[in-house]
C-alpha atoms as a PDB file:
ATOM      1  CA  MET A   1      79.216 104.482  50.642  1.00  0.00           C
ATOM      2  CA  ASN A   2      81.380 101.378  50.873  1.00  0.00           C
ATOM      3  CA  PRO A   3      81.430  99.939  54.430  1.00  0.00           C
ATOM      4  CA  PHE A   4      84.881  98.464  53.795  1.00  0.00           C
ATOM      5  CA  SER A   5      86.494 101.660  52.580  1.00  0.00           C
ATOM      6  CA  GLU A   6      89.693 102.896  54.171  1.00  0.00           C
ATOM      7  CA  GLU A   7      87.872 105.848  55.711  1.00  0.00           C
ATOM      8  CA  ASN A   8      85.259 103.630  57.412  1.00  0.00           C
ATOM      9  CA  ARG A   9      87.921 101.219  58.690  1.00  0.00           C
ATOM     10  CA  VAL A  10      89.898 104.064  60.251  1.00  0.00           C
ATOM     11  CA  LEU A  11      86.742 105.468  61.853  1.00  0.00           C
ATOM     12  CA  THR A  12      85.800 102.024  63.165  1.00  0.00           C
ATOM     13  CA  LEU A  13      89.304 101.501  64.587  1.00  0.00           C
ATOM     14  CA  LYS A  14      89.182 104.918  66.285  1.00  0.00           C
ATOM     15  CA  ARG A  15      85.828 104.053  67.867  1.00  0.00           C
ATOM     16  CA  LEU A  16      87.137 100.686  69.036  1.00  0.00           C
ATOM     17  CA  ALA A  17      90.250 102.360  70.466  1.00  0.00           C
ATOM     18  CA  ILE A  18      88.092 104.879  72.347  1.00  0.00           C
ATOM     19  CA  LEU A  19      85.839 102.074  73.621  1.00  0.00           C
ATOM     20  CA  LEU A  20      88.864 100.023  74.726  1.00  0.00           C
ATOM     21  CA  ALA A  21      90.411 103.059  76.439  1.00  0.00           C
ATOM     22  CA  ALA A  22      87.122 103.730  78.259  1.00  0.00           C
ATOM     23  CA  ILE A  23      86.941 100.112  79.424  1.00  0.00           C
ATOM     24  CA  VAL A  24      90.546 100.236  80.676  1.00  0.00           C
ATOM     25  CA  VAL A  25      89.942 103.547  82.512  1.00  0.00           C
ATOM     26  CA  ILE A  26      86.747 102.221  84.151  1.00  0.00           C
ATOM     27  CA  PHE A  27      88.483  98.972  85.177  1.00  0.00           C
ATOM     28  CA  ALA A  28      91.447 100.923  86.576  1.00  0.00           C
ATOM     29  CA  ALA A  29      89.089 103.235  88.493  1.00  0.00           C
ATOM     30  CA  ILE A  30      87.187 100.286  89.991  1.00  0.00           C
ATOM     31  CA  ASN A  31      90.483  98.686  91.062  1.00  0.00           C
ATOM     32  CA  ALA A  32      91.832 101.934  92.518  1.00  0.00           C
ATOM     33  CA  ILE A  33      88.647 102.601  94.495  1.00  0.00           C
ATOM     34  CA  TRP A  34      88.604  99.042  95.820  1.00  0.00           C
ATOM     35  CA  TYR A  35      92.313  99.023  96.667  1.00  0.00           C
ATOM     36  CA  PHE A  36      92.605 102.452  98.297  1.00  0.00           C
ATOM     37  CA  GLY A  37      89.098 102.663  99.731  1.00  0.00           C
ATOM     38  CA  TYR A  38      88.676  99.123 100.995  1.00  0.00           C
ATOM     39  CA  TYR A  39      91.610  96.703 100.785  1.00  0.00           C
ATOM     40  CA  GLN A  40      94.126  99.208 102.150  1.00  0.00           C
ATOM     41  CA  ARG A  41      92.093  99.529 105.374  1.00  0.00           C
ATOM     42  CA  TYR A  42      92.517  95.785 105.954  1.00  0.00           C
ATOM     43  CA  HIS A  43      96.172  95.845 104.926  1.00  0.00           C
ATOM     44  CA  ILE A  44      96.985  98.528 107.499  1.00  0.00           C
ATOM     45  CA  LEU A  45      95.241  96.547 110.242  1.00  0.00           C
ATOM     46  CA  SER A  46      96.865  93.241 109.265  1.00  0.00           C
ATOM     47  CA  SER A  47     100.366  94.739 109.396  1.00  0.00           C
ATOM     48  CA  GLN A  48     100.350  94.485 113.193  1.00  0.00           C
ATOM     49  CA  MET A  49      99.168  90.853 113.250  1.00  0.00           C
ATOM     50  CA  GLU A  50     100.641  87.394 112.731  1.00  0.00           C
ATOM     51  CA  SER A  51      99.497  85.481 109.652  1.00  0.00           C
ATOM     52  CA  TYR A  52      98.520  81.813 109.496  1.00  0.00           C
ATOM     53  CA  TYR A  53      96.487  79.474 107.323  1.00  0.00           C
ATOM     54  CA  GLN A  54      93.223  78.296 108.840  1.00  0.00           C
ATOM     55  CA  ALA A  55      93.046  74.498 109.133  1.00  0.00           C
ATOM     56  CA  GLY A  56      96.548  74.318 107.617  1.00  0.00           C
ATOM     57  CA  ILE A  57      95.169  74.808 104.102  1.00  0.00           C
ATOM     58  CA  GLU A  58      97.585  77.053 102.225  1.00  0.00           C
ATOM     59  CA  GLU A  59      95.080  78.816 100.002  1.00  0.00           C
ATOM     60  CA  GLU A  60      94.381  82.542  99.905  1.00  0.00           C
ATOM     61  CA  SER A  61      90.808  82.097 101.165  1.00  0.00           C
ATOM     62  CA  PHE A  62      92.127  80.402 104.331  1.00  0.00           C
ATOM     63  CA  LEU A  63      94.739  83.062 105.149  1.00  0.00           C
ATOM     64  CA  ARG A  64      94.011  84.797 108.454  1.00  0.00           C
ATOM     65  CA  TYR A  65      95.782  87.351 110.590  1.00  0.00           C
ATOM     66  CA  SER A  66      95.493  87.396 114.360  1.00  0.00           C
ATOM     67  CA  MET A  67      96.830  88.880 117.539  1.00  0.00           C
ATOM     68  CA  GLU A  68      96.210  88.363 121.216  1.00  0.00           C
ATOM     69  CA  VAL A  69      95.126  91.407 123.215  1.00  0.00           C
ATOM     70  CA  GLY A  70      94.881  90.499 126.879  1.00  0.00           C
ATOM     71  CA  ASP A  71      92.211  87.804 127.174  1.00  0.00           C
ATOM     72  CA  TYR A  72      90.948  88.392 123.629  1.00  0.00           C
ATOM     73  CA  THR A  73      91.833  87.203 120.150  1.00  0.00           C
ATOM     74  CA  VAL A  74      91.512  89.562 117.208  1.00  0.00           C
ATOM     75  CA  THR A  75      91.238  87.775 113.857  1.00  0.00           C
ATOM     76  CA  LEU A  76      91.192  89.378 110.411  1.00  0.00           C
ATOM     77  CA  LYS A  77      90.301  87.865 107.048  1.00  0.00           C
ATOM     78  CA  MET A  78      91.433  89.891 104.049  1.00  0.00           C
ATOM     79  CA  PRO A  79      88.828  90.521 101.351  1.00  0.00           C
ATOM     80  CA  SER A  80      89.096  88.625  98.078  1.00  0.00           C
ATOM     81  CA  TYR A  81      90.000  90.590  94.956  1.00  0.00           C
ATOM     82  CA  LEU A  82      87.341  93.220  94.154  1.00  0.00           C
ATOM     83  CA  SER A  83      85.002  91.868  96.820  1.00  0.00           C
ATOM     84  CA  SER A  84      83.910  92.973 100.264  1.00  0.00           C
ATOM     85  CA  SER A  85      84.324  89.529 101.818  1.00  0.00           C
ATOM     86  CA  GLY A  86      86.767  90.492 104.556  1.00  0.00           C
ATOM     87  CA  PHE A  87      85.978  90.814 108.241  1.00  0.00           C
ATOM     88  CA  ILE A  88      87.443  91.254 111.703  1.00  0.00           C
ATOM     89  CA  THR A  89      86.368  89.307 114.781  1.00  0.00           C
ATOM     90  CA  ILE A  90      87.141  89.935 118.420  1.00  0.00           C
ATOM     91  CA  GLU A  91      86.282  87.254 120.945  1.00  0.00           C
ATOM     92  CA  PRO A  92      87.561  85.805 124.204  1.00  0.00           C
ATOM     93  CA  SER A  93      90.708  83.745 123.633  1.00  0.00           C
ATOM     94  CA  GLU A  94      89.311  80.865 125.651  1.00  0.00           C
ATOM     95  CA  GLY A  95      86.573  80.433 123.042  1.00  0.00           C
ATOM     96  CA  TYR A  96      83.591  78.224 123.758  1.00  0.00           C
ATOM     97  CA  THR A  97      83.717  74.760 125.263  1.00  0.00           C
ATOM     98  CA  ALA A  98      80.876  72.359 125.916  1.00  0.00           C
ATOM     99  CA  TRP A  99      81.025  69.097 127.837  1.00  0.00           C
ATOM    100  CA  LEU A 100      78.959  66.151 126.654  1.00  0.00           C
ATOM    101  CA  ASP A 101      77.514  63.141 128.417  1.00  0.00           C
ATOM    102  CA  GLU A 102      77.910  59.594 127.082  1.00  0.00           C
ATOM    103  CA  ASP A 103      74.888  60.133 124.771  1.00  0.00           C
ATOM    104  CA  GLY A 104      76.382  63.253 123.201  1.00  0.00           C
ATOM    105  CA  ASN A 105      74.095  65.712 124.999  1.00  0.00           C
ATOM    106  CA  ILE A 106      75.554  68.952 126.303  1.00  0.00           C
ATOM    107  CA  VAL A 107      75.623  68.888 130.078  1.00  0.00           C
ATOM    108  CA  GLU A 108      77.711  71.994 130.732  1.00  0.00           C
ATOM    109  CA  SER A 109      79.420  74.808 128.852  1.00  0.00           C
ATOM    110  CA  THR A 110      81.693  77.750 129.454  1.00  0.00           C
ATOM    111  CA  GLY A 111      78.654  80.018 129.109  1.00  0.00           C
ATOM    112  CA  MET A 112      77.712  82.650 126.592  1.00  0.00           C
ATOM    113  CA  LEU A 113      80.299  83.446 123.925  1.00  0.00           C
ATOM    114  CA  VAL A 114      79.927  86.995 122.622  1.00  0.00           C
ATOM    115  CA  THR A 115      81.831  87.774 119.427  1.00  0.00           C
ATOM    116  CA  LEU A 116      82.182  91.205 117.840  1.00  0.00           C
ATOM    117  CA  TYR A 117      82.273  91.269 114.023  1.00  0.00           C
ATOM    118  CA  ILE A 118      83.541  94.326 112.183  1.00  0.00           C
ATOM    119  CA  TRP A 119      83.325  94.888 108.436  1.00  0.00           C
ATOM    120  CA  PRO A 120      85.203  98.017 107.340  1.00  0.00           C
ATOM    121  CA  GLU A 121      83.225  99.845 104.664  1.00  0.00           C
ATOM    122  CA  TYR A 122      84.661 101.829 101.767  1.00  0.00           C
ATOM    123  CA  PHE A 123      86.869 104.718 102.954  1.00  0.00           C
ATOM    124  CA  VAL A 124      85.116 105.367 106.316  1.00  0.00           C
ATOM    125  CA  ASN A 125      82.741 103.815 108.827  1.00  0.00           C
ATOM    126  CA  TYR A 126      82.139 100.216 109.785  1.00  0.00           C
ATOM    127  CA  GLU A 127      79.359  97.687 109.741  1.00  0.00           C
ATOM    128  CA  VAL A 128      79.226  95.860 113.038  1.00  0.00           C
ATOM    129  CA  GLY A 129      77.688  92.631 114.245  1.00  0.00           C
ATOM    130  CA  LEU A 130      77.369  90.704 117.460  1.00  0.00           C
ATOM    131  CA  TRP A 131      77.080  86.954 117.771  1.00  0.00           C
ATOM    132  CA  PHE A 132      75.659  85.499 120.953  1.00  0.00           C
ATOM    133  CA  TYR A 133      76.353  81.772 121.214  1.00  0.00           C
ATOM    134  CA  ASP A 134      75.667  79.232 123.924  1.00  0.00           C
ATOM    135  CA  ASP A 135      74.794  75.809 122.561  1.00  0.00           C
ATOM    136  CA  ALA A 136      73.995  74.495 126.036  1.00  0.00           C
ATOM    137  CA  ALA A 137      71.271  77.127 126.407  1.00  0.00           C
ATOM    138  CA  GLY A 138      70.170  76.783 122.788  1.00  0.00           C
ATOM    139  CA  ILE A 139      71.159  80.355 121.935  1.00  0.00           C
ATOM    140  CA  SER A 140      72.708  81.456 118.664  1.00  0.00           C
ATOM    141  CA  TYR A 141      71.826  84.971 117.557  1.00  0.00           C
ATOM    142  CA  GLN A 142      73.675  87.093 115.058  1.00  0.00           C
ATOM    143  CA  VAL A 143      72.620  90.710 114.887  1.00  0.00           C
ATOM    144  CA  THR A 144      73.845  93.600 112.765  1.00  0.00           C
ATOM    145  CA  MET A 145      74.502  96.810 114.659  1.00  0.00           C
ATOM    146  CA  THR A 146      75.116 100.375 113.556  1.00  0.00           C
ATOM    147  CA  SER A 147      78.519 101.891 114.294  1.00  0.00           C
ATOM    148  CA  ASP A 148      76.750 103.621 117.226  1.00  0.00           C
ATOM    149  CA  MET A 149      75.941 100.108 118.537  1.00  0.00           C
ATOM    150  CA  GLU A 150      72.183 100.273 117.967  1.00  0.00           C
ATOM    151  CA  ILE A 151      70.353  97.290 116.430  1.00  0.00           C
ATOM    152  CA  ALA A 152      70.316  97.866 112.669  1.00  0.00           C
ATOM    153  CA  ARG A 153      66.995  97.549 110.872  1.00  0.00           C
ATOM    154  CA  ALA A 154      65.182  96.751 114.123  1.00  0.00           C
ATOM    155  CA  ASP A 155      61.964  98.087 112.575  1.00  0.00           C
ATOM    156  CA  GLU A 156      62.087  95.194 110.069  1.00  0.00           C
ATOM    157  CA  MET A 157      62.403  92.582 112.812  1.00  0.00           C
ATOM    158  CA  ASP A 158      59.806  90.846 114.949  1.00  0.00           C
ATOM    159  CA  ASN A 159      59.280  92.785 118.207  1.00  0.00           C
ATOM    160  CA  ALA A 160      59.791  89.674 120.357  1.00  0.00           C
ATOM    161  CA  LEU A 161      63.128  89.004 118.660  1.00  0.00           C
ATOM    162  CA  VAL A 162      64.249  92.613 119.126  1.00  0.00           C
ATOM    163  CA  GLU A 163      63.350  92.408 122.826  1.00  0.00           C
ATOM    164  CA  GLU A 164      65.247  89.121 123.211  1.00  0.00           C
ATOM    165  CA  ILE A 165      68.334  90.568 121.518  1.00  0.00           C
ATOM    166  CA  GLN A 166      68.122  93.755 123.591  1.00  0.00           C
ATOM    167  CA  SER A 167      67.905  91.567 126.689  1.00  0.00           C
ATOM    168  CA  LEU A 168      71.061  89.670 125.615  1.00  0.00           C
ATOM    169  CA  ILE A 169      72.838  92.958 124.936  1.00  0.00           C
ATOM    170  CA  SER A 170      71.874  94.300 128.385  1.00  0.00           C
ATOM    171  CA  GLU A 171      72.827  91.064 130.114  1.00  0.00           C
ATOM    172  CA  HIS A 172      76.250  90.929 128.403  1.00  0.00           C
ATOM    173  CA  GLN A 173      76.950  94.673 128.168  1.00  0.00           C
ATOM    174  CA  ASP A 174      80.183  94.398 130.184  1.00  0.00           C
ATOM    175  CA  GLU A 175      81.552  91.796 127.749  1.00  0.00           C
ATOM    176  CA  ILE A 176      80.445  93.891 124.753  1.00  0.00           C
ATOM    177  CA  ASP A 177      82.147  96.950 126.266  1.00  0.00           C
ATOM    178  CA  ALA A 178      85.354  94.924 126.712  1.00  0.00           C
ATOM    179  CA  LEU A 179      85.215  93.853 123.033  1.00  0.00           C
ATOM    180  CA  LEU A 180      84.675  97.471 121.956  1.00  0.00           C
ATOM    181  CA  ARG A 181      87.634  98.593 124.093  1.00  0.00           C
ATOM    182  CA  VAL A 182      89.852  96.012 122.384  1.00  0.00           C
ATOM    183  CA  ALA A 183      88.726  97.355 118.984  1.00  0.00           C
ATOM    184  CA  ALA A 184      89.452 100.934 120.054  1.00  0.00           C
ATOM    185  CA  ASP A 185      92.751 100.304 121.838  1.00  0.00           C
ATOM    186  CA  SER A 186      94.357  97.764 119.515  1.00  0.00           C
ATOM    187  CA  LEU A 187      92.871  98.598 116.100  1.00  0.00           C
ATOM    188  CA  ASP A 188      91.934 102.272 116.504  1.00  0.00           C
ATOM    189  CA  ILE A 189      88.366 101.371 115.529  1.00  0.00           C
ATOM    190  CA  HIS A 190      85.978 103.478 117.568  1.00  0.00           C
ATOM    191  CA  LEU A 191      82.417 102.180 117.861  1.00  0.00           C
ATOM    192  CA  GLY A 192      79.643 103.386 120.126  1.00  0.00           C
ATOM    193  CA  GLU A 193      81.171 105.283 123.035  1.00  0.00           C
ATOM    194  CA  TYR A 194      84.646 103.848 122.480  1.00  0.00           C
END
């Protein structure tokens, strides 16, 4: 059998066409799932926000959307193409300020800054995080939470760390509740009891 015969060439071309069609269908399916199951969730949320470029750099990776809700700022970063790099933050609009002495040491601050991070997952549900930050007190903890606002993977963490984070959560529960209310009222994202 001659490998270069007309019959073998036609068969090879048919196989290549089928392979190419399969690759195109798989690529289209991946794009459709990402667009409708992930990106569209961000697009809907960003439609009610103002857009700006972070640090004035007009590149896609620096594009942000934000809105003020009472005393809070909601910021959204769109995910990059076919990635899950987007996020939403909710934090007090006043942010965090520290005052320094002449040697550059922090002498006073505005106190603990609690920021709520939300990462929409494909189609439904959310991954949630809290960031506790107070440079004057030497505190900077980021913790992943479940959508029911329980510490995620606490069994994999050191018990002392879990206790410290639970203490921060208890101490700042009113602020966390306010952040969750902003998510529920302004974005229709319901986490925990909200």
